[in-house]
Amino acid sequence: MHFSPREALRFAARLKLKVPIKVQDERVEELLTDLGMQAVADTPIGSVFAKTISRGERKRTAIGVELITDPSIIFLDEPTSGLDSFKAFKIVALLNSLARKGKTVMATIH
């Protein structure tokens, strides 16, 4: 059984956040919205053999797992590598919106 993006973020929240479960779940839902993943929030992430969500959605889920703690500085190593131009644009737009919210975003992109 594979996690869905919502389950992956909840798991990360349970491990990393020291706040009540209700607050953790609210943070997860807020992050899913910020990541633009509400439509696939309950779809299994899949594996190398059984792909169910796109590579861009898997990358956004991985970024979300790191963002669950609401860090002030975000370091990303090639967050757009291997993505088509549309999915790469979505990732960069997400990083742009995080920066506009006051986060420091550092990423290597080529």
C-alpha atoms as a PDB file:
ATOM      1  CA  MET A   1       0.000   0.000   0.000  1.00  0.00           C
ATOM      2  CA  HIS A   2       1.327   3.441  -0.913  1.00  0.00           C
ATOM      3  CA  PHE A   3       0.632   6.749   0.768  1.00  0.00           C
ATOM      4  CA  SER A   4      -1.436   9.415  -0.867  1.00  0.00           C
ATOM      5  CA  PRO A   5      -0.067  12.975  -0.761  1.00  0.00           C
ATOM      6  CA  ARG A   6      -2.449  13.758   2.126  1.00  0.00           C
ATOM      7  CA  GLU A   7      -1.261  10.693   4.063  1.00  0.00           C
ATOM      8  CA  ALA A   8       2.403  11.516   3.393  1.00  0.00           C
ATOM      9  CA  LEU A   9       1.934  15.053   4.691  1.00  0.00           C
ATOM     10  CA  ARG A  10      -0.021  13.828   7.739  1.00  0.00           C
ATOM     11  CA  PHE A  11       2.718  11.316   8.522  1.00  0.00           C
ATOM     12  CA  ALA A  12       5.357  14.056   8.305  1.00  0.00           C
ATOM     13  CA  ALA A  13       3.206  16.335  10.467  1.00  0.00           C
ATOM     14  CA  ARG A  14       2.822  13.664  13.155  1.00  0.00           C
ATOM     15  CA  LEU A  15       6.595  13.174  13.239  1.00  0.00           C
ATOM     16  CA  LYS A  16       7.721  16.793  13.041  1.00  0.00           C
ATOM     17  CA  LEU A  17       5.067  18.999  14.628  1.00  0.00           C
ATOM     18  CA  LYS A  18       4.520  19.322  18.369  1.00  0.00           C
ATOM     19  CA  VAL A  19       1.011  20.742  18.154  1.00  0.00           C
ATOM     20  CA  PRO A  20      -2.447  19.142  18.569  1.00  0.00           C
ATOM     21  CA  ILE A  21      -3.563  16.748  15.823  1.00  0.00           C
ATOM     22  CA  LYS A  22      -6.343  19.117  14.754  1.00  0.00           C
ATOM     23  CA  VAL A  23      -3.774  21.864  14.107  1.00  0.00           C
ATOM     24  CA  GLN A  24      -1.556  19.376  12.241  1.00  0.00           C
ATOM     25  CA  ASP A  25      -4.457  18.358   9.992  1.00  0.00           C
ATOM     26  CA  GLU A  26      -5.294  22.016   9.319  1.00  0.00           C
ATOM     27  CA  ARG A  27      -1.661  22.605   8.320  1.00  0.00           C
ATOM     28  CA  VAL A  28      -1.793  19.593   5.973  1.00  0.00           C
ATOM     29  CA  GLU A  29      -4.942  20.873   4.249  1.00  0.00           C
ATOM     30  CA  GLU A  30      -3.471  24.372   3.942  1.00  0.00           C
ATOM     31  CA  LEU A  31      -0.298  22.960   2.425  1.00  0.00           C
ATOM     32  CA  LEU A  32      -2.237  20.778  -0.049  1.00  0.00           C
ATOM     33  CA  THR A  33      -4.039  23.907  -1.202  1.00  0.00           C
ATOM     34  CA  ASP A  34      -0.799  25.909  -1.450  1.00  0.00           C
ATOM     35  CA  LEU A  35       0.787  23.086  -3.462  1.00  0.00           C
ATOM     36  CA  GLY A  36      -2.247  22.908  -5.781  1.00  0.00           C
ATOM     37  CA  MET A  37      -2.773  19.237  -4.960  1.00  0.00           C
ATOM     38  CA  GLN A  38      -6.385  19.101  -3.726  1.00  0.00           C
ATOM     39  CA  ALA A  39      -7.475  17.164  -6.831  1.00  0.00           C
ATOM     40  CA  VAL A  40      -4.939  14.366  -6.244  1.00  0.00           C
ATOM     41  CA  ALA A  41      -4.702  14.558  -2.446  1.00  0.00           C
ATOM     42  CA  ASP A  42      -6.186  11.081  -1.961  1.00  0.00           C
ATOM     43  CA  THR A  43      -4.643   9.378  -5.010  1.00  0.00           C
ATOM     44  CA  PRO A  44      -1.896   6.858  -4.180  1.00  0.00           C
ATOM     45  CA  ILE A  45       1.562   8.215  -4.940  1.00  0.00           C
ATOM     46  CA  GLY A  46       2.632   4.913  -6.482  1.00  0.00           C
ATOM     47  CA  SER A  47       6.091   3.564  -7.139  1.00  0.00           C
ATOM     48  CA  VAL A  48       8.541   3.073  -9.980  1.00  0.00           C
ATOM     49  CA  PHE A  49       6.387   0.224 -11.289  1.00  0.00           C
ATOM     50  CA  ALA A  50       2.898   1.539 -10.536  1.00  0.00           C
ATOM     51  CA  LYS A  51       2.655   5.242 -11.352  1.00  0.00           C
ATOM     52  CA  THR A  52      -0.544   6.941 -10.301  1.00  0.00           C
ATOM     53  CA  ILE A  53       0.293  10.629  -9.881  1.00  0.00           C
ATOM     54  CA  SER A  54       2.605  12.620 -12.139  1.00  0.00           C
ATOM     55  CA  ARG A  55       6.292  13.226 -11.513  1.00  0.00           C
ATOM     56  CA  GLY A  56       5.538  16.906 -10.831  1.00  0.00           C
ATOM     57  CA  GLU A  57       2.919  15.956  -8.250  1.00  0.00           C
ATOM     58  CA  ARG A  58       5.407  13.573  -6.599  1.00  0.00           C
ATOM     59  CA  LYS A  59       7.973  16.390  -6.465  1.00  0.00           C
ATOM     60  CA  ARG A  60       5.399  18.770  -4.976  1.00  0.00           C
ATOM     61  CA  THR A  61       4.541  16.111  -2.373  1.00  0.00           C
ATOM     62  CA  ALA A  62       8.224  15.776  -1.465  1.00  0.00           C
ATOM     63  CA  ILE A  63       8.530  19.551  -1.190  1.00  0.00           C
ATOM     64  CA  GLY A  64       5.381  19.585   0.954  1.00  0.00           C
ATOM     65  CA  VAL A  65       6.847  17.039   3.353  1.00  0.00           C
ATOM     66  CA  GLU A  66       9.713  19.455   3.933  1.00  0.00           C
ATOM     67  CA  LEU A  67       7.424  22.493   4.158  1.00  0.00           C
ATOM     68  CA  ILE A  68       5.180  20.947   6.824  1.00  0.00           C
ATOM     69  CA  THR A  69       7.265  22.568   9.580  1.00  0.00           C
ATOM     70  CA  ASP A  70       6.884  26.007   7.936  1.00  0.00           C
ATOM     71  CA  PRO A  71      10.637  26.659   7.655  1.00  0.00           C
ATOM     72  CA  SER A  72      11.833  30.202   7.078  1.00  0.00           C
ATOM     73  CA  ILE A  73      14.633  29.041   4.731  1.00  0.00           C
ATOM     74  CA  ILE A  74      14.089  26.484   1.973  1.00  0.00           C
ATOM     75  CA  PHE A  75      17.003  24.861   0.115  1.00  0.00           C
ATOM     76  CA  LEU A  76      16.174  22.840  -3.006  1.00  0.00           C
ATOM     77  CA  ASP A  77      18.573  20.996  -5.279  1.00  0.00           C
ATOM     78  CA  GLU A  78      17.223  20.905  -8.828  1.00  0.00           C
ATOM     79  CA  PRO A  79      13.504  20.787  -7.989  1.00  0.00           C
ATOM     80  CA  THR A  80      12.613  20.945 -11.707  1.00  0.00           C
ATOM     81  CA  SER A  81      15.011  18.330 -13.089  1.00  0.00           C
ATOM     82  CA  GLY A  82      13.315  15.697 -15.216  1.00  0.00           C
ATOM     83  CA  LEU A  83      10.074  17.655 -15.534  1.00  0.00           C
ATOM     84  CA  ASP A  84       8.443  18.995 -18.664  1.00  0.00           C
ATOM     85  CA  SER A  85       8.193  22.773 -19.024  1.00  0.00           C
ATOM     86  CA  PHE A  86       4.624  22.999 -17.663  1.00  0.00           C
ATOM     87  CA  LYS A  87       5.389  20.995 -14.512  1.00  0.00           C
ATOM     88  CA  ALA A  88       8.659  22.876 -14.015  1.00  0.00           C
ATOM     89  CA  PHE A  89       6.733  26.138 -14.311  1.00  0.00           C
ATOM     90  CA  LYS A  90       4.292  24.967 -11.621  1.00  0.00           C
ATOM     91  CA  ILE A  91       7.188  24.182  -9.248  1.00  0.00           C
ATOM     92  CA  VAL A  92       8.835  27.563  -9.898  1.00  0.00           C
ATOM     93  CA  ALA A  93       5.479  29.317  -9.413  1.00  0.00           C
ATOM     94  CA  LEU A  94       5.121  27.526  -6.060  1.00  0.00           C
ATOM     95  CA  LEU A  95       8.617  28.639  -5.018  1.00  0.00           C
ATOM     96  CA  ASN A  96       7.811  32.179  -6.149  1.00  0.00           C
ATOM     97  CA  SER A  97       4.648  32.238  -4.030  1.00  0.00           C
ATOM     98  CA  LEU A  98       6.595  30.952  -1.018  1.00  0.00           C
ATOM     99  CA  ALA A  99       9.180  33.702  -1.488  1.00  0.00           C
ATOM    100  CA  ARG A 100       6.419  36.300  -1.736  1.00  0.00           C
ATOM    101  CA  LYS A 101       5.061  35.038   1.599  1.00  0.00           C
ATOM    102  CA  GLY A 102       8.392  35.900   3.212  1.00  0.00           C
ATOM    103  CA  LYS A 103      10.293  32.608   2.915  1.00  0.00           C
ATOM    104  CA  THR A 104      13.907  32.555   1.811  1.00  0.00           C
ATOM    105  CA  VAL A 105      14.105  30.158  -1.136  1.00  0.00           C
ATOM    106  CA  MET A 106      17.429  28.935  -2.485  1.00  0.00           C
ATOM    107  CA  ALA A 107      17.425  26.496  -5.383  1.00  0.00           C
ATOM    108  CA  THR A 108      19.788  25.226  -8.027  1.00  0.00           C
ATOM    109  CA  ILE A 109      18.152  25.108 -11.433  1.00  0.00           C
ATOM    110  CA  HIS A 110      19.745  24.439 -14.802  1.00  0.00           C
END
